[in-house]
Structure formats: C-alpha cells, structure tokens
Amino acid sequence: QWEQVVQFFSVMVQTRVKTNAIIFNAAISACERAGQWEMALHFFSSMTWSKVQPDISTYTVLSSACEEGREAQIALHFTNAMAALLALVFMNQSTNMRRHV
C-alpha cells in the first residue's frame, strides 16, 4: 500500500497539485504503517522543501515511524519538535486569552 502512496504522491508533484500537511501526513503515515521509516523521512524532507508547515500529527507519526525502525535518536528529535510546537501553541492561546480579558 505504501508503494501506491509514493506513486500517487509522485503524480501529484509532477502535475503540480498544491500539497498541504494533510497530504504529507497521509503519505508519512502510510510509510510508518509499512515500516518504511526512511521513506517517511523522505516525505518530511519534501514537506519542508515544499514549505508546508508540519503539525503535531506530522511529528507524532514521524516519531512513531523512527521508533519502529529502531532509530531512537531520530524519534527523540521529532518528539522534542512536537513538544516545542505544543508549547508554542499553548503560549499563543494563552496570549490570545489575555487580550480578550
């Protein structure tokens, strides 16, 4: 199944379909389920190269894919990135709440 995702994604890129985090996350998730952690990292690289902003789901699936691939250091990197993103979201929400009080 992950091979079909790679093919589909390649067609999207060739036809210049605008991609977003949902599309990249689906591709990364398919690779994670298939145990293809290196391909998941490839999609993440493509995501950042395409200037698509990773979200919490991106980091969660990447961390899981790397854990499955026994790549603990890389998994930890994505877990830390997810924690930093969560902290940023929390700070932004907290700031917005104070403005409305």
N, C-alpha and C. Protein backbone atom coordinates (compact mmCIF):
# COMPACT_ATOMS: atom_id res chain seq x y z
N GLN A 1 0.81 -1.20 0.00
CA GLN A 1 0.00 0.00 0.00
C GLN A 1 0.86 1.27 0.00
N TRP A 2 1.96 1.25 0.72
CA TRP A 2 2.79 2.45 0.78
C TRP A 2 3.39 2.77 -0.58
N GLU A 3 3.62 1.73 -1.40
CA GLU A 3 4.14 1.98 -2.74
C GLU A 3 3.13 2.76 -3.57
N GLN A 4 1.85 2.46 -3.38
CA GLN A 4 0.80 3.19 -4.10
C GLN A 4 0.77 4.65 -3.66
N VAL A 5 0.99 4.89 -2.38
CA VAL A 5 1.03 6.26 -1.87
C VAL A 5 2.19 7.02 -2.52
N VAL A 6 3.35 6.37 -2.60
CA VAL A 6 4.52 7.01 -3.22
C VAL A 6 4.22 7.34 -4.67
N GLN A 7 3.61 6.40 -5.39
CA GLN A 7 3.25 6.64 -6.79
C GLN A 7 2.27 7.79 -6.92
N PHE A 8 1.23 7.76 -6.10
CA PHE A 8 0.22 8.82 -6.12
C PHE A 8 0.84 10.17 -5.83
N PHE A 9 1.72 10.21 -4.85
CA PHE A 9 2.37 11.45 -4.48
C PHE A 9 3.25 11.96 -5.62
N SER A 10 3.95 11.05 -6.28
CA SER A 10 4.79 11.44 -7.42
C SER A 10 3.96 12.07 -8.53
N VAL A 11 2.80 11.51 -8.79
CA VAL A 11 1.91 12.06 -9.81
C VAL A 11 1.46 13.46 -9.40
N MET A 12 1.15 13.63 -8.12
CA MET A 12 0.73 14.94 -7.63
C MET A 12 1.83 15.98 -7.85
N VAL A 13 3.06 15.60 -7.56
CA VAL A 13 4.18 16.52 -7.72
C VAL A 13 4.38 16.85 -9.20
N GLN A 14 4.32 15.82 -10.04
CA GLN A 14 4.53 16.04 -11.48
C GLN A 14 3.46 16.94 -12.09
N THR A 15 2.24 16.81 -11.59
CA THR A 15 1.14 17.63 -12.13
C THR A 15 0.97 18.94 -11.37
N ARG A 16 1.90 19.18 -10.44
CA ARG A 16 1.94 20.41 -9.67
C ARG A 16 0.68 20.68 -8.85
N VAL A 17 0.11 19.62 -8.33
CA VAL A 17 -1.03 19.77 -7.42
C VAL A 17 -0.52 20.37 -6.12
N LYS A 18 -1.23 21.36 -5.62
CA LYS A 18 -0.81 22.00 -4.37
C LYS A 18 -0.98 21.02 -3.21
N THR A 19 0.10 20.82 -2.48
CA THR A 19 0.07 19.89 -1.36
C THR A 19 -0.12 20.65 -0.05
N ASN A 20 -0.52 19.92 0.98
CA ASN A 20 -0.68 20.51 2.31
C ASN A 20 -0.27 19.48 3.36
N ALA A 21 -0.36 19.86 4.61
CA ALA A 21 0.06 18.97 5.70
C ALA A 21 -0.74 17.68 5.72
N ILE A 22 -2.01 17.74 5.39
CA ILE A 22 -2.86 16.53 5.42
C ILE A 22 -2.34 15.51 4.41
N ILE A 23 -1.99 15.96 3.23
CA ILE A 23 -1.50 15.04 2.19
C ILE A 23 -0.15 14.45 2.61
N PHE A 24 0.75 15.29 3.08
CA PHE A 24 2.05 14.78 3.53
C PHE A 24 1.89 13.83 4.71
N ASN A 25 1.03 14.18 5.66
CA ASN A 25 0.83 13.32 6.83
C ASN A 25 0.28 11.96 6.43
N ALA A 26 -0.60 11.92 5.43
CA ALA A 26 -1.13 10.64 4.96
C ALA A 26 -0.02 9.78 4.35
N ALA A 27 0.86 10.42 3.59
CA ALA A 27 1.98 9.68 2.99
C ALA A 27 2.94 9.19 4.07
N ILE A 28 3.26 10.04 5.03
CA ILE A 28 4.17 9.66 6.12
C ILE A 28 3.55 8.53 6.93
N SER A 29 2.26 8.63 7.19
CA SER A 29 1.56 7.60 7.96
C SER A 29 1.56 6.25 7.24
N ALA A 30 1.35 6.27 5.94
CA ALA A 30 1.38 5.01 5.17
C ALA A 30 2.76 4.37 5.26
N CYS A 31 3.80 5.18 5.20
CA CYS A 31 5.17 4.67 5.33
C CYS A 31 5.41 4.11 6.74
N GLU A 32 4.90 4.81 7.74
CA GLU A 32 5.05 4.36 9.13
C GLU A 32 4.40 3.00 9.33
N ARG A 33 3.18 2.84 8.81
CA ARG A 33 2.47 1.55 8.95
C ARG A 33 3.19 0.42 8.23
N ALA A 34 3.91 0.76 7.17
CA ALA A 34 4.63 -0.27 6.40
C ALA A 34 6.05 -0.49 6.91
N GLY A 35 6.44 0.23 7.96
CA GLY A 35 7.79 0.08 8.50
C GLY A 35 8.85 0.74 7.64
N GLN A 36 8.47 1.71 6.85
CA GLN A 36 9.39 2.39 5.92
C GLN A 36 9.78 3.75 6.50
N TRP A 37 10.54 3.73 7.59
CA TRP A 37 10.88 4.97 8.28
C TRP A 37 11.74 5.89 7.42
N GLU A 38 12.60 5.34 6.58
CA GLU A 38 13.45 6.18 5.73
C GLU A 38 12.61 6.92 4.69
N MET A 39 11.60 6.25 4.15
CA MET A 39 10.71 6.90 3.19
C MET A 39 9.87 7.95 3.90
N ALA A 40 9.50 7.70 5.14
CA ALA A 40 8.76 8.70 5.93
C ALA A 40 9.61 9.96 6.08
N LEU A 41 10.90 9.78 6.34
CA LEU A 41 11.81 10.94 6.45
C LEU A 41 11.94 11.66 5.11
N HIS A 42 11.92 10.90 4.03
CA HIS A 42 11.98 11.50 2.70
C HIS A 42 10.77 12.41 2.48
N PHE A 43 9.58 11.93 2.85
CA PHE A 43 8.38 12.75 2.71
C PHE A 43 8.46 13.99 3.60
N PHE A 44 9.03 13.84 4.80
CA PHE A 44 9.18 15.00 5.67
C PHE A 44 10.13 16.03 5.03
N SER A 45 11.21 15.56 4.44
CA SER A 45 12.13 16.46 3.74
C SER A 45 11.42 17.18 2.60
N SER A 46 10.62 16.43 1.85
CA SER A 46 9.85 17.04 0.76
C SER A 46 8.86 18.06 1.29
N MET A 47 8.31 17.76 2.45
CA MET A 47 7.34 18.66 3.07
C MET A 47 8.00 20.00 3.40
N THR A 48 9.16 19.95 4.03
CA THR A 48 9.84 21.19 4.40
C THR A 48 10.35 21.92 3.15
N TRP A 49 10.82 21.16 2.17
CA TRP A 49 11.28 21.76 0.92
C TRP A 49 10.13 22.47 0.20
N SER A 50 8.92 21.89 0.32
CA SER A 50 7.73 22.48 -0.31
C SER A 50 7.15 23.62 0.50
N LYS A 51 7.78 23.93 1.62
CA LYS A 51 7.33 25.00 2.52
C LYS A 51 5.95 24.74 3.11
N VAL A 52 5.66 23.45 3.34
CA VAL A 52 4.42 23.07 4.02
C VAL A 52 4.77 22.93 5.49
N GLN A 53 4.01 23.60 6.34
CA GLN A 53 4.28 23.62 7.78
C GLN A 53 3.88 22.29 8.43
N PRO A 54 4.84 21.59 9.06
CA PRO A 54 4.50 20.37 9.79
C PRO A 54 3.59 20.70 10.97
N ASP A 55 2.75 19.75 11.36
CA ASP A 55 1.90 19.96 12.52
C ASP A 55 2.14 18.84 13.55
N ILE A 56 1.34 18.83 14.58
CA ILE A 56 1.51 17.84 15.64
C ILE A 56 1.43 16.42 15.08
N SER A 57 0.49 16.19 14.18
CA SER A 57 0.35 14.85 13.57
C SER A 57 1.61 14.44 12.83
N THR A 58 2.22 15.38 12.14
CA THR A 58 3.45 15.09 11.39
C THR A 58 4.51 14.54 12.34
N TYR A 59 4.75 15.28 13.42
CA TYR A 59 5.80 14.88 14.37
C TYR A 59 5.45 13.57 15.09
N THR A 60 4.17 13.38 15.39
CA THR A 60 3.75 12.14 16.06
C THR A 60 4.04 10.93 15.19
N VAL A 61 3.63 11.00 13.92
CA VAL A 61 3.82 9.86 13.01
C VAL A 61 5.30 9.65 12.70
N LEU A 62 6.05 10.72 12.51
CA LEU A 62 7.48 10.57 12.26
C LEU A 62 8.19 9.93 13.44
N SER A 63 7.85 10.35 14.64
CA SER A 63 8.45 9.76 15.83
C SER A 63 8.13 8.28 15.91
N SER A 64 6.89 7.93 15.65
CA SER A 64 6.48 6.52 15.68
C SER A 64 7.20 5.70 14.60
N ALA A 65 7.31 6.27 13.41
CA ALA A 65 8.00 5.57 12.31
C ALA A 65 9.45 5.29 12.67
N CYS A 66 10.10 6.27 13.27
CA CYS A 66 11.51 6.10 13.64
C CYS A 66 11.67 5.13 14.80
N GLU A 67 10.73 5.15 15.73
CA GLU A 67 10.77 4.17 16.82
C GLU A 67 10.64 2.75 16.27
N GLU A 68 9.71 2.57 15.34
CA GLU A 68 9.52 1.25 14.72
C GLU A 68 10.77 0.81 13.98
N GLY A 69 11.48 1.76 13.41
CA GLY A 69 12.72 1.47 12.69
C GLY A 69 13.93 1.39 13.60
N ARG A 70 13.70 1.43 14.89
CA ARG A 70 14.75 1.36 15.90
C ARG A 70 15.76 2.50 15.76
N GLU A 71 15.23 3.66 15.43
CA GLU A 71 16.04 4.87 15.30
C GLU A 71 15.64 5.82 16.43
N ALA A 72 16.07 5.47 17.64
CA ALA A 72 15.64 6.18 18.84
C ALA A 72 16.05 7.65 18.84
N GLN A 73 17.24 7.96 18.39
CA GLN A 73 17.71 9.35 18.40
C GLN A 73 16.87 10.23 17.47
N ILE A 74 16.55 9.70 16.31
CA ILE A 74 15.73 10.47 15.37
C ILE A 74 14.32 10.61 15.93
N ALA A 75 13.79 9.54 16.51
CA ALA A 75 12.45 9.59 17.12
C ALA A 75 12.41 10.65 18.21
N LEU A 76 13.46 10.70 19.02
CA LEU A 76 13.52 11.69 20.10
C LEU A 76 13.54 13.11 19.54
N HIS A 77 14.24 13.30 18.44
CA HIS A 77 14.27 14.62 17.79
C HIS A 77 12.86 15.07 17.43
N PHE A 78 12.07 14.19 16.82
CA PHE A 78 10.72 14.56 16.41
C PHE A 78 9.79 14.72 17.61
N THR A 79 10.01 13.94 18.66
CA THR A 79 9.23 14.10 19.88
C THR A 79 9.51 15.47 20.50
N ASN A 80 10.77 15.87 20.51
CA ASN A 80 11.13 17.19 21.04
C ASN A 80 10.55 18.32 20.17
N ALA A 81 10.56 18.13 18.87
CA ALA A 81 9.98 19.14 17.97
C ALA A 81 8.48 19.27 18.23
N MET A 82 7.82 18.13 18.46
CA MET A 82 6.39 18.15 18.75
C MET A 82 6.13 18.89 20.06
N ALA A 83 6.95 18.64 21.08
CA ALA A 83 6.79 19.31 22.37
C ALA A 83 6.98 20.81 22.22
N ALA A 84 7.95 21.23 21.42
CA ALA A 84 8.19 22.65 21.20
C ALA A 84 6.99 23.30 20.49
N LEU A 85 6.43 22.59 19.52
CA LEU A 85 5.27 23.10 18.80
C LEU A 85 4.07 23.22 19.74
N LEU A 86 3.86 22.23 20.58
CA LEU A 86 2.77 22.28 21.54
C LEU A 86 2.94 23.45 22.50
N ALA A 87 4.16 23.68 22.95
CA ALA A 87 4.42 24.81 23.85
C ALA A 87 4.11 26.13 23.16
N LEU A 88 4.48 26.24 21.90
CA LEU A 88 4.21 27.45 21.14
C LEU A 88 2.71 27.68 20.98
N VAL A 89 1.99 26.63 20.66
CA VAL A 89 0.53 26.73 20.52
C VAL A 89 -0.09 27.17 21.84
N PHE A 90 0.35 26.56 22.93
CA PHE A 90 -0.17 26.90 24.25
C PHE A 90 0.10 28.36 24.59
N MET A 91 1.32 28.82 24.31
CA MET A 91 1.66 30.22 24.60
C MET A 91 0.82 31.18 23.77
N ASN A 92 0.60 30.85 22.51
CA ASN A 92 -0.23 31.71 21.65
C ASN A 92 -1.66 31.78 22.14
N GLN A 93 -2.21 30.64 22.55
CA GLN A 93 -3.57 30.62 23.06
C GLN A 93 -3.68 31.39 24.35
N SER A 94 -2.69 31.25 25.20
CA SER A 94 -2.67 31.96 26.47
C SER A 94 -2.61 33.48 26.25
N THR A 95 -1.79 33.90 25.29
CA THR A 95 -1.67 35.32 24.96
C THR A 95 -2.99 35.85 24.41
N ASN A 96 -3.62 35.09 23.53
CA ASN A 96 -4.90 35.50 22.96
C ASN A 96 -5.99 35.61 24.01
N MET A 97 -5.97 34.70 24.97
CA MET A 97 -6.98 34.73 26.03
C MET A 97 -6.81 35.99 26.88
N ARG A 98 -5.57 36.38 27.17
CA ARG A 98 -5.31 37.57 27.97
C ARG A 98 -5.76 38.84 27.25
N ARG A 99 -5.69 38.85 25.94
CA ARG A 99 -6.10 40.03 25.17
C ARG A 99 -7.61 40.25 25.27
N HIS A 100 -8.34 39.17 25.43
CA HIS A 100 -9.81 39.26 25.45
C HIS A 100 -10.38 39.45 26.84
N VAL A 101 -9.52 39.54 27.83
CA VAL A 101 -10.00 39.70 29.21
C VAL A 101 -10.06 41.15 29.59
